[in-house]
Amino acid sequence: SAADVLTRHAENGQGRISLVVMNTVSTAKAFYAELLAEMTPRPSK
């Protein structure tokens, strides 16, 4: 999940590259959108 990738990057990715490789353009675009959504602050209910 995007949360898994962000958590792992926060642990040891400072100043470094974390790489996610997908087999198709559609899955890469979907995961990229999920990452951006996970990094966007959510308004409180």
ModelCIF file with pLDDT and N, C-alpha, C, O atoms, coordinates in Angstrom:
data_MODEL
#
_entry.id   MODEL 
#
_entity.id                         1 
_entity.type                       polymer 
_entity.pdbx_number_of_molecules   1 
#
_entity_poly.entity_id                      1 
_entity_poly.type                           'polypeptide(L)' 
_entity_poly.nstd_linkage                   no 
_entity_poly.nstd_monomer                   no 
_entity_poly.pdbx_seq_one_letter_code       SAADVLTRHAENGQGRISLVVMNTVSTAKAFYAELLAEMTPRPSK 
_entity_poly.pdbx_seq_one_letter_code_can   SAADVLTRHAENGQGRISLVVMNTVSTAKAFYAELLAEMTPRPSK 
_entity_poly.pdbx_strand_id                 A 
#
loop_
_entity_poly_seq.entity_id 
_entity_poly_seq.num 
_entity_poly_seq.mon_id 
_entity_poly_seq.hetero 
1 1  SER n 
1 2  ALA n 
1 3  ALA n 
1 4  ASP n 
1 5  VAL n 
1 6  LEU n 
1 7  THR n 
1 8  ARG n 
1 9  HIS n 
1 10 ALA n 
1 11 GLU n 
1 12 ASN n 
1 13 GLY n 
1 14 GLN n 
1 15 GLY n 
1 16 ARG n 
1 17 ILE n 
1 18 SER n 
1 19 LEU n 
1 20 VAL n 
1 21 VAL n 
1 22 MET n 
1 23 ASN n 
1 24 THR n 
1 25 VAL n 
1 26 SER n 
1 27 THR n 
1 28 ALA n 
1 29 LYS n 
1 30 ALA n 
1 31 PHE n 
1 32 TYR n 
1 33 ALA n 
1 34 GLU n 
1 35 LEU n 
1 36 LEU n 
1 37 ALA n 
1 38 GLU n 
1 39 MET n 
1 40 THR n 
1 41 PRO n 
1 42 ARG n 
1 43 PRO n 
1 44 SER n 
1 45 LYS n 
#
_struct_asym.id          A 
_struct_asym.entity_id   1 
#
loop_
_ma_qa_metric.id 
_ma_qa_metric.mode 
_ma_qa_metric.name 
_ma_qa_metric.software_group_id 
_ma_qa_metric.type 
1 global pLDDT . pLDDT 
2 local  pLDDT . pLDDT 
#
_ma_qa_metric_global.metric_id      1 
_ma_qa_metric_global.metric_value   91.16 
_ma_qa_metric_global.model_id       1 
_ma_qa_metric_global.ordinal_id     1 
#
loop_
_ma_qa_metric_local.label_asym_id 
_ma_qa_metric_local.label_comp_id 
_ma_qa_metric_local.label_seq_id 
_ma_qa_metric_local.metric_id 
_ma_qa_metric_local.metric_value 
_ma_qa_metric_local.model_id 
_ma_qa_metric_local.ordinal_id 
A SER 1  2 89.00 1 1  
A ALA 2  2 93.00 1 2  
A ALA 3  2 93.00 1 3  
A ASP 4  2 92.00 1 4  
A VAL 5  2 94.00 1 5  
A LEU 6  2 94.00 1 6  
A THR 7  2 93.00 1 7  
A ARG 8  2 93.00 1 8  
A HIS 9  2 95.00 1 9  
A ALA 10 2 93.00 1 10 
A GLU 11 2 92.00 1 11 
A ASN 12 2 90.00 1 12 
A GLY 13 2 92.00 1 13 
A GLN 14 2 92.00 1 14 
A GLY 15 2 95.00 1 15 
A ARG 16 2 96.00 1 16 
A ILE 17 2 96.00 1 17 
A SER 18 2 96.00 1 18 
A LEU 19 2 97.00 1 19 
A VAL 20 2 96.00 1 20 
A VAL 21 2 95.00 1 21 
A MET 22 2 94.00 1 22 
A ASN 23 2 93.00 1 23 
A THR 24 2 94.00 1 24 
A VAL 25 2 95.00 1 25 
A SER 26 2 95.00 1 26 
A THR 27 2 94.00 1 27 
A ALA 28 2 96.00 1 28 
A LYS 29 2 96.00 1 29 
A ALA 30 2 95.00 1 30 
A PHE 31 2 96.00 1 31 
A TYR 32 2 96.00 1 32 
A ALA 33 2 96.00 1 33 
A GLU 34 2 95.00 1 34 
A LEU 35 2 95.00 1 35 
A LEU 36 2 95.00 1 36 
A ALA 37 2 94.00 1 37 
A GLU 38 2 93.00 1 38 
A MET 39 2 91.00 1 39 
A THR 40 2 87.00 1 40 
A PRO 41 2 79.00 1 41 
A ARG 42 2 71.00 1 42 
A PRO 43 2 68.00 1 43 
A SER 44 2 63.00 1 44 
A LYS 45 2 65.00 1 45 
#
loop_
_atom_site.group_PDB 
_atom_site.id 
_atom_site.type_symbol 
_atom_site.label_atom_id 
_atom_site.label_alt_id 
_atom_site.label_comp_id 
_atom_site.label_asym_id 
_atom_site.label_entity_id 
_atom_site.label_seq_id 
_atom_site.pdbx_PDB_ins_code 
_atom_site.Cartn_x 
_atom_site.Cartn_y 
_atom_site.Cartn_z 
_atom_site.occupancy 
_atom_site.B_iso_or_equiv 
_atom_site.pdbx_formal_charge 
_atom_site.auth_seq_id 
_atom_site.auth_comp_id 
_atom_site.auth_asym_id 
_atom_site.auth_atom_id 
_atom_site.pdbx_PDB_model_num 
ATOM 1   N N  . SER A 1 1  ? 0.850   -1.188 0.000   1.00 89.00 ? 1  SER A N  1 
ATOM 2   C CA . SER A 1 1  ? 0.000   0.000  0.000   1.00 89.00 ? 1  SER A CA 1 
ATOM 3   C C  . SER A 1 1  ? 0.887   1.240  0.000   1.00 89.00 ? 1  SER A C  1 
ATOM 4   O O  . SER A 1 1  ? 2.076   1.170  0.311   1.00 89.00 ? 1  SER A O  1 
ATOM 5   N N  . ALA A 1 2  ? 0.296   2.364  -0.350  1.00 93.00 ? 2  ALA A N  1 
ATOM 6   C CA . ALA A 1 2  ? 1.040   3.625  -0.322  1.00 93.00 ? 2  ALA A CA 1 
ATOM 7   C C  . ALA A 1 2  ? 1.539   3.923  1.080   1.00 93.00 ? 2  ALA A C  1 
ATOM 8   O O  . ALA A 1 2  ? 2.631   4.466  1.253   1.00 93.00 ? 2  ALA A O  1 
ATOM 9   N N  . ALA A 1 3  ? 0.739   3.567  2.089   1.00 93.00 ? 3  ALA A N  1 
ATOM 10  C CA . ALA A 1 3  ? 1.159   3.798  3.475   1.00 93.00 ? 3  ALA A CA 1 
ATOM 11  C C  . ALA A 1 3  ? 2.404   2.990  3.806   1.00 93.00 ? 3  ALA A C  1 
ATOM 12  O O  . ALA A 1 3  ? 3.302   3.486  4.487   1.00 93.00 ? 3  ALA A O  1 
ATOM 13  N N  . ASP A 1 4  ? 2.467   1.727  3.324   1.00 92.00 ? 4  ASP A N  1 
ATOM 14  C CA . ASP A 1 4  ? 3.648   0.894  3.560   1.00 92.00 ? 4  ASP A CA 1 
ATOM 15  C C  . ASP A 1 4  ? 4.902   1.545  2.963   1.00 92.00 ? 4  ASP A C  1 
ATOM 16  O O  . ASP A 1 4  ? 5.950   1.609  3.607   1.00 92.00 ? 4  ASP A O  1 
ATOM 17  N N  . VAL A 1 5  ? 4.775   2.021  1.733   1.00 94.00 ? 5  VAL A N  1 
ATOM 18  C CA . VAL A 1 5  ? 5.920   2.620  1.060   1.00 94.00 ? 5  VAL A CA 1 
ATOM 19  C C  . VAL A 1 5  ? 6.372   3.884  1.779   1.00 94.00 ? 5  VAL A C  1 
ATOM 20  O O  . VAL A 1 5  ? 7.570   4.090  1.971   1.00 94.00 ? 5  VAL A O  1 
ATOM 21  N N  . LEU A 1 6  ? 5.425   4.737  2.181   1.00 94.00 ? 6  LEU A N  1 
ATOM 22  C CA . LEU A 1 6  ? 5.777   5.989  2.863   1.00 94.00 ? 6  LEU A CA 1 
ATOM 23  C C  . LEU A 1 6  ? 6.401   5.710  4.220   1.00 94.00 ? 6  LEU A C  1 
ATOM 24  O O  . LEU A 1 6  ? 7.343   6.393  4.622   1.00 94.00 ? 6  LEU A O  1 
ATOM 25  N N  . THR A 1 7  ? 5.879   4.698  4.940   1.00 93.00 ? 7  THR A N  1 
ATOM 26  C CA . THR A 1 7  ? 6.440   4.365  6.253   1.00 93.00 ? 7  THR A CA 1 
ATOM 27  C C  . THR A 1 7  ? 7.872   3.872  6.119   1.00 93.00 ? 7  THR A C  1 
ATOM 28  O O  . THR A 1 7  ? 8.760   4.295  6.860   1.00 93.00 ? 7  THR A O  1 
ATOM 29  N N  . ARG A 1 8  ? 8.086   2.975  5.166   1.00 93.00 ? 8  ARG A N  1 
ATOM 30  C CA . ARG A 1 8  ? 9.441   2.445  4.959   1.00 93.00 ? 8  ARG A CA 1 
ATOM 31  C C  . ARG A 1 8  ? 10.402  3.549  4.532   1.00 93.00 ? 8  ARG A C  1 
ATOM 32  O O  . ARG A 1 8  ? 11.547  3.590  4.984   1.00 93.00 ? 8  ARG A O  1 
ATOM 33  N N  . HIS A 1 9  ? 9.937   4.446  3.661   1.00 95.00 ? 9  HIS A N  1 
ATOM 34  C CA . HIS A 1 9  ? 10.800  5.533  3.207   1.00 95.00 ? 9  HIS A CA 1 
ATOM 35  C C  . HIS A 1 9  ? 11.138  6.473  4.369   1.00 95.00 ? 9  HIS A C  1 
ATOM 36  O O  . HIS A 1 9  ? 12.264  6.960  4.469   1.00 95.00 ? 9  HIS A O  1 
ATOM 37  N N  . ALA A 1 10 ? 10.175  6.721  5.232   1.00 93.00 ? 10 ALA A N  1 
ATOM 38  C CA . ALA A 1 10 ? 10.435  7.593  6.379   1.00 93.00 ? 10 ALA A CA 1 
ATOM 39  C C  . ALA A 1 10 ? 11.477  6.985  7.309   1.00 93.00 ? 10 ALA A C  1 
ATOM 40  O O  . ALA A 1 10 ? 12.220  7.714  7.966   1.00 93.00 ? 10 ALA A O  1 
ATOM 41  N N  . GLU A 1 11 ? 11.540  5.642  7.372   1.00 92.00 ? 11 GLU A N  1 
ATOM 42  C CA . GLU A 1 11 ? 12.473  4.974  8.269   1.00 92.00 ? 11 GLU A CA 1 
ATOM 43  C C  . GLU A 1 11 ? 13.916  5.050  7.771   1.00 92.00 ? 11 GLU A C  1 
ATOM 44  O O  . GLU A 1 11 ? 14.828  5.310  8.556   1.00 92.00 ? 11 GLU A O  1 
ATOM 45  N N  . ASN A 1 12 ? 14.128  4.826  6.477   1.00 90.00 ? 12 ASN A N  1 
ATOM 46  C CA . ASN A 1 12 ? 15.522  4.782  6.012   1.00 90.00 ? 12 ASN A CA 1 
ATOM 47  C C  . ASN A 1 12 ? 15.731  5.414  4.644   1.00 90.00 ? 12 ASN A C  1 
ATOM 48  O O  . ASN A 1 12 ? 16.743  5.149  3.994   1.00 90.00 ? 12 ASN A O  1 
ATOM 49  N N  . GLY A 1 13 ? 14.795  6.245  4.193   1.00 92.00 ? 13 GLY A N  1 
ATOM 50  C CA . GLY A 1 13 ? 14.921  6.813  2.862   1.00 92.00 ? 13 GLY A CA 1 
ATOM 51  C C  . GLY A 1 13 ? 15.318  8.275  2.819   1.00 92.00 ? 13 GLY A C  1 
ATOM 52  O O  . GLY A 1 13 ? 15.282  8.883  1.750   1.00 92.00 ? 13 GLY A O  1 
ATOM 53  N N  . GLN A 1 14 ? 15.689  8.850  3.931   1.00 92.00 ? 14 GLN A N  1 
ATOM 54  C CA . GLN A 1 14 ? 16.068  10.256 3.919   1.00 92.00 ? 14 GLN A CA 1 
ATOM 55  C C  . GLN A 1 14 ? 17.283  10.487 3.021   1.00 92.00 ? 14 GLN A C  1 
ATOM 56  O O  . GLN A 1 14 ? 18.335  9.877  3.211   1.00 92.00 ? 14 GLN A O  1 
ATOM 57  N N  . GLY A 1 15 ? 17.124  11.363 2.055   1.00 95.00 ? 15 GLY A N  1 
ATOM 58  C CA . GLY A 1 15 ? 18.216  11.637 1.125   1.00 95.00 ? 15 GLY A CA 1 
ATOM 59  C C  . GLY A 1 15 ? 18.447  10.541 0.115   1.00 95.00 ? 15 GLY A C  1 
ATOM 60  O O  . GLY A 1 15 ? 19.442  10.581 -0.609  1.00 95.00 ? 15 GLY A O  1 
ATOM 61  N N  . ARG A 1 16 ? 17.558  9.555  0.036   1.00 96.00 ? 16 ARG A N  1 
ATOM 62  C CA . ARG A 1 16 ? 17.761  8.398  -0.832  1.00 96.00 ? 16 ARG A CA 1 
ATOM 63  C C  . ARG A 1 16 ? 16.538  8.162  -1.718  1.00 96.00 ? 16 ARG A C  1 
ATOM 64  O O  . ARG A 1 16 ? 15.545  8.885  -1.639  1.00 96.00 ? 16 ARG A O  1 
ATOM 65  N N  . ILE A 1 17 ? 16.633  7.137  -2.558  1.00 96.00 ? 17 ILE A N  1 
ATOM 66  C CA . ILE A 1 17 ? 15.564  6.818  -3.500  1.00 96.00 ? 17 ILE A CA 1 
ATOM 67  C C  . ILE A 1 17 ? 14.852  5.547  -3.057  1.00 96.00 ? 17 ILE A C  1 
ATOM 68  O O  . ILE A 1 17 ? 15.493  4.543  -2.746  1.00 96.00 ? 17 ILE A O  1 
ATOM 69  N N  . SER A 1 18 ? 13.532  5.598  -3.030  1.00 96.00 ? 18 SER A N  1 
ATOM 70  C CA . SER A 1 18 ? 12.707  4.400  -2.900  1.00 96.00 ? 18 SER A CA 1 
ATOM 71  C C  . SER A 1 18 ? 12.054  4.171  -4.253  1.00 96.00 ? 18 SER A C  1 
ATOM 72  O O  . SER A 1 18 ? 11.542  5.108  -4.865  1.00 96.00 ? 18 SER A O  1 
ATOM 73  N N  . LEU A 1 19 ? 12.070  2.930  -4.721  1.00 97.00 ? 19 LEU A N  1 
ATOM 74  C CA . LEU A 1 19 ? 11.638  2.622  -6.080  1.00 97.00 ? 19 LEU A CA 1 
ATOM 75  C C  . LEU A 1 19 ? 10.493  1.623  -6.060  1.00 97.00 ? 19 LEU A C  1 
ATOM 76  O O  . LEU A 1 19 ? 10.564  0.592  -5.392  1.00 97.00 ? 19 LEU A O  1 
ATOM 77  N N  . VAL A 1 20 ? 9.431   1.941  -6.803  1.00 96.00 ? 20 VAL A N  1 
ATOM 78  C CA . VAL A 1 20 ? 8.280   1.061  -6.959  1.00 96.00 ? 20 VAL A CA 1 
ATOM 79  C C  . VAL A 1 20 ? 8.141   0.768  -8.450  1.00 96.00 ? 20 VAL A C  1 
ATOM 80  O O  . VAL A 1 20 ? 7.942   1.688  -9.244  1.00 96.00 ? 20 VAL A O  1 
ATOM 81  N N  . VAL A 1 21 ? 8.244   -0.503 -8.837  1.00 95.00 ? 21 VAL A N  1 
ATOM 82  C CA . VAL A 1 21 ? 8.198   -0.866 -10.257 1.00 95.00 ? 21 VAL A CA 1 
ATOM 83  C C  . VAL A 1 21 ? 6.955   -1.703 -10.531 1.00 95.00 ? 21 VAL A C  1 
ATOM 84  O O  . VAL A 1 21 ? 6.769   -2.777 -9.958  1.00 95.00 ? 21 VAL A O  1 
ATOM 85  N N  . MET A 1 22 ? 6.114   -1.192 -11.413 1.00 94.00 ? 22 MET A N  1 
ATOM 86  C CA . MET A 1 22 ? 4.894   -1.890 -11.823 1.00 94.00 ? 22 MET A CA 1 
ATOM 87  C C  . MET A 1 22 ? 5.052   -2.396 -13.259 1.00 94.00 ? 22 MET A C  1 
ATOM 88  O O  . MET A 1 22 ? 5.903   -1.916 -14.008 1.00 94.00 ? 22 MET A O  1 
ATOM 89  N N  . ASN A 1 23 ? 4.219   -3.372 -13.630 1.00 93.00 ? 23 ASN A N  1 
ATOM 90  C CA . ASN A 1 23 ? 4.350   -3.986 -14.941 1.00 93.00 ? 23 ASN A CA 1 
ATOM 91  C C  . ASN A 1 23 ? 3.607   -3.251 -16.049 1.00 93.00 ? 23 ASN A C  1 
ATOM 92  O O  . ASN A 1 23 ? 3.916   -3.438 -17.227 1.00 93.00 ? 23 ASN A O  1 
ATOM 93  N N  . THR A 1 24 ? 2.647   -2.430 -15.695 1.00 94.00 ? 24 THR A N  1 
ATOM 94  C CA . THR A 1 24 ? 1.864   -1.721 -16.710 1.00 94.00 ? 24 THR A CA 1 
ATOM 95  C C  . THR A 1 24 ? 1.752   -0.249 -16.350 1.00 94.00 ? 24 THR A C  1 
ATOM 96  O O  . THR A 1 24 ? 1.928   0.143  -15.196 1.00 94.00 ? 24 THR A O  1 
ATOM 97  N N  . VAL A 1 25 ? 1.454   0.557  -17.360 1.00 95.00 ? 25 VAL A N  1 
ATOM 98  C CA . VAL A 1 25 ? 1.295   1.992  -17.140 1.00 95.00 ? 25 VAL A CA 1 
ATOM 99  C C  . VAL A 1 25 ? 0.096   2.260  -16.233 1.00 95.00 ? 25 VAL A C  1 
ATOM 100 O O  . VAL A 1 25 ? 0.156   3.127  -15.361 1.00 95.00 ? 25 VAL A O  1 
ATOM 101 N N  . SER A 1 26 ? -0.983  1.521  -16.437 1.00 95.00 ? 26 SER A N  1 
ATOM 102 C CA . SER A 1 26 ? -2.198  1.775  -15.648 1.00 95.00 ? 26 SER A CA 1 
ATOM 103 C C  . SER A 1 26 ? -1.972  1.513  -14.161 1.00 95.00 ? 26 SER A C  1 
ATOM 104 O O  . SER A 1 26 ? -2.423  2.299  -13.328 1.00 95.00 ? 26 SER A O  1 
ATOM 105 N N  . THR A 1 27 ? -1.281  0.421  -13.807 1.00 94.00 ? 27 THR A N  1 
ATOM 106 C CA . THR A 1 27 ? -1.040  0.146  -12.392 1.00 94.00 ? 27 THR A CA 1 
ATOM 107 C C  . THR A 1 27 ? -0.054  1.148  -11.792 1.00 94.00 ? 27 THR A C  1 
ATOM 108 O O  . THR A 1 27 ? -0.177  1.513  -10.623 1.00 94.00 ? 27 THR A O  1 
ATOM 109 N N  . ALA A 1 28 ? 0.917   1.592  -12.581 1.00 96.00 ? 28 ALA A N  1 
ATOM 110 C CA . ALA A 1 28 ? 1.855   2.600  -12.083 1.00 96.00 ? 28 ALA A CA 1 
ATOM 111 C C  . ALA A 1 28 ? 1.144   3.916  -11.811 1.00 96.00 ? 28 ALA A C  1 
ATOM 112 O O  . ALA A 1 28 ? 1.384   4.554  -10.785 1.00 96.00 ? 28 ALA A O  1 
ATOM 113 N N  . LYS A 1 29 ? 0.271   4.324  -12.724 1.00 96.00 ? 29 LYS A N  1 
ATOM 114 C CA . LYS A 1 29 ? -0.474  5.574  -12.531 1.00 96.00 ? 29 LYS A CA 1 
ATOM 115 C C  . LYS A 1 29 ? -1.401  5.476  -11.322 1.00 96.00 ? 29 LYS A C  1 
ATOM 116 O O  . LYS A 1 29 ? -1.534  6.434  -10.561 1.00 96.00 ? 29 LYS A O  1 
ATOM 117 N N  . ALA A 1 30 ? -2.036  4.327  -11.145 1.00 95.00 ? 30 ALA A N  1 
ATOM 118 C CA . ALA A 1 30 ? -2.943  4.155  -10.006 1.00 95.00 ? 30 ALA A CA 1 
ATOM 119 C C  . ALA A 1 30 ? -2.182  4.213  -8.690  1.00 95.00 ? 30 ALA A C  1 
ATOM 120 O O  . ALA A 1 30 ? -2.645  4.833  -7.733  1.00 95.00 ? 30 ALA A O  1 
ATOM 121 N N  . PHE A 1 31 ? -1.020  3.573  -8.632  1.00 96.00 ? 31 PHE A N  1 
ATOM 122 C CA . PHE A 1 31 ? -0.253  3.599  -7.384  1.00 96.00 ? 31 PHE A CA 1 
ATOM 123 C C  . PHE A 1 31 ? 0.298   4.998  -7.110  1.00 96.00 ? 31 PHE A C  1 
ATOM 124 O O  . PHE A 1 31 ? 0.335   5.438  -5.961  1.00 96.00 ? 31 PHE A O  1 
ATOM 125 N N  . TYR A 1 32 ? 0.719   5.684  -8.148  1.00 96.00 ? 32 TYR A N  1 
ATOM 126 C CA . TYR A 1 32 ? 1.195   7.065  -7.985  1.00 96.00 ? 32 TYR A CA 1 
ATOM 127 C C  . TYR A 1 32 ? 0.082   7.937  -7.416  1.00 96.00 ? 32 TYR A C  1 
ATOM 128 O O  . TYR A 1 32 ? 0.335   8.739  -6.517  1.00 96.00 ? 32 TYR A O  1 
ATOM 129 N N  . ALA A 1 33 ? -1.141  7.799  -7.918  1.00 96.00 ? 33 ALA A N  1 
ATOM 130 C CA . ALA A 1 33 ? -2.273  8.573  -7.401  1.00 96.00 ? 33 ALA A CA 1 
ATOM 131 C C  . ALA A 1 33 ? -2.547  8.214  -5.940  1.00 96.00 ? 33 ALA A C  1 
ATOM 132 O O  . ALA A 1 33 ? -2.886  9.083  -5.136  1.00 96.00 ? 33 ALA A O  1 
ATOM 133 N N  . GLU A 1 34 ? -2.398  6.918  -5.595  1.00 95.00 ? 34 GLU A N  1 
ATOM 134 C CA . GLU A 1 34 ? -2.598  6.490  -4.211  1.00 95.00 ? 34 GLU A CA 1 
ATOM 135 C C  . GLU A 1 34 ? -1.557  7.117  -3.292  1.00 95.00 ? 34 GLU A C  1 
ATOM 136 O O  . GLU A 1 34 ? -1.873  7.511  -2.169  1.00 95.00 ? 34 GLU A O  1 
ATOM 137 N N  . LEU A 1 35 ? -0.322  7.211  -3.763  1.00 95.00 ? 35 LEU A N  1 
ATOM 138 C CA . LEU A 1 35 ? 0.727   7.850  -2.967  1.00 95.00 ? 35 LEU A CA 1 
ATOM 139 C C  . LEU A 1 35 ? 0.406   9.316  -2.697  1.00 95.00 ? 35 LEU A C  1 
ATOM 140 O O  . LEU A 1 35 ? 0.509   9.788  -1.565  1.00 95.00 ? 35 LEU A O  1 
ATOM 141 N N  . LEU A 1 36 ? 0.016   10.028 -3.751  1.00 95.00 ? 36 LEU A N  1 
ATOM 142 C CA . LEU A 1 36 ? -0.305  11.446 -3.584  1.00 95.00 ? 36 LEU A CA 1 
ATOM 143 C C  . LEU A 1 36 ? -1.474  11.629 -2.628  1.00 95.00 ? 36 LEU A C  1 
ATOM 144 O O  . LEU A 1 36 ? -1.463  12.538 -1.798  1.00 95.00 ? 36 LEU A O  1 
ATOM 145 N N  . ALA A 1 37 ? -2.488  10.765 -2.741  1.00 94.00 ? 37 ALA A N  1 
ATOM 146 C CA . ALA A 1 37 ? -3.642  10.868 -1.849  1.00 94.00 ? 37 ALA A CA 1 
ATOM 147 C C  . ALA A 1 37 ? -3.243  10.596 -0.404  1.00 94.00 ? 37 ALA A C  1 
ATOM 148 O O  . ALA A 1 37 ? -3.740  11.251 0.513   1.00 94.00 ? 37 ALA A O  1 
ATOM 149 N N  . GLU A 1 38 ? -2.349  9.637  -0.198  1.00 93.00 ? 38 GLU A N  1 
ATOM 150 C CA . GLU A 1 38 ? -1.905  9.308  1.155   1.00 93.00 ? 38 GLU A CA 1 
ATOM 151 C C  . GLU A 1 38 ? -1.110  10.453 1.772   1.00 93.00 ? 38 GLU A C  1 
ATOM 152 O O  . GLU A 1 38 ? -1.141  10.641 2.988   1.00 93.00 ? 38 GLU A O  1 
ATOM 153 N N  . MET A 1 39 ? -0.407  11.211 0.956   1.00 91.00 ? 39 MET A N  1 
ATOM 154 C CA . MET A 1 39 ? 0.409   12.318 1.460   1.00 91.00 ? 39 MET A CA 1 
ATOM 155 C C  . MET A 1 39 ? -0.399  13.603 1.660   1.00 91.00 ? 39 MET A C  1 
ATOM 156 O O  . MET A 1 39 ? 0.099   14.557 2.257   1.00 91.00 ? 39 MET A O  1 
ATOM 157 N N  . THR A 1 40 ? -1.642  13.634 1.166   1.00 87.00 ? 40 THR A N  1 
ATOM 158 C CA . THR A 1 40 ? -2.467  14.828 1.291   1.00 87.00 ? 40 THR A CA 1 
ATOM 159 C C  . THR A 1 40 ? -3.198  14.808 2.627   1.00 87.00 ? 40 THR A C  1 
ATOM 160 O O  . THR A 1 40 ? -3.870  13.822 2.929   1.00 87.00 ? 40 THR A O  1 
ATOM 161 N N  . PRO A 1 41 ? -3.092  15.867 3.446   1.00 79.00 ? 41 PRO A N  1 
ATOM 162 C CA . PRO A 1 41 ? -3.804  15.895 4.736   1.00 79.00 ? 41 PRO A CA 1 
ATOM 163 C C  . PRO A 1 41 ? -5.311  15.780 4.523   1.00 79.00 ? 41 PRO A C  1 
ATOM 164 O O  . PRO A 1 41 ? -5.873  16.448 3.655   1.00 79.00 ? 41 PRO A O  1 
ATOM 165 N N  . ARG A 1 42 ? -5.965  14.925 5.326   1.00 71.00 ? 42 ARG A N  1 
ATOM 166 C CA . ARG A 1 42 ? -7.408  14.725 5.203   1.00 71.00 ? 42 ARG A CA 1 
ATOM 167 C C  . ARG A 1 42 ? -8.143  15.665 6.157   1.00 71.00 ? 42 ARG A C  1 
ATOM 168 O O  . ARG A 1 42 ? -7.741  15.799 7.313   1.00 71.00 ? 42 ARG A O  1 
ATOM 169 N N  . PRO A 1 43 ? -9.217  16.319 5.696   1.00 68.00 ? 43 PRO A N  1 
ATOM 170 C CA . PRO A 1 43 ? -9.981  17.185 6.606   1.00 68.00 ? 43 PRO A CA 1 
ATOM 171 C C  . PRO A 1 43 ? -10.711 16.359 7.652   1.00 68.00 ? 43 PRO A C  1 
ATOM 172 O O  . PRO A 1 43 ? -11.142 15.237 7.385   1.00 68.00 ? 43 PRO A O  1 
ATOM 173 N N  . SER A 1 44 ? -10.841 16.915 8.827   1.00 63.00 ? 44 SER A N  1 
ATOM 174 C CA . SER A 1 44 ? -11.513 16.198 9.909   1.00 63.00 ? 44 SER A CA 1 
ATOM 175 C C  . SER A 1 44 ? -13.020 16.187 9.663   1.00 63.00 ? 44 SER A C  1 
ATOM 176 O O  . SER A 1 44 ? -13.571 17.117 9.075   1.00 63.00 ? 44 SER A O  1 
ATOM 177 N N  . LYS A 1 45 ? -13.677 15.122 10.121  1.00 65.00 ? 45 LYS A N  1 
ATOM 178 C CA . LYS A 1 45 ? -15.122 14.999 9.947   1.00 65.00 ? 45 LYS A CA 1 
ATOM 179 C C  . LYS A 1 45 ? -15.884 15.752 11.029  1.00 65.00 ? 45 LYS A C  1 
ATOM 180 O O  . LYS A 1 45 ? -17.115 15.752 11.031  1.00 65.00 ? 45 LYS A O  1 
#
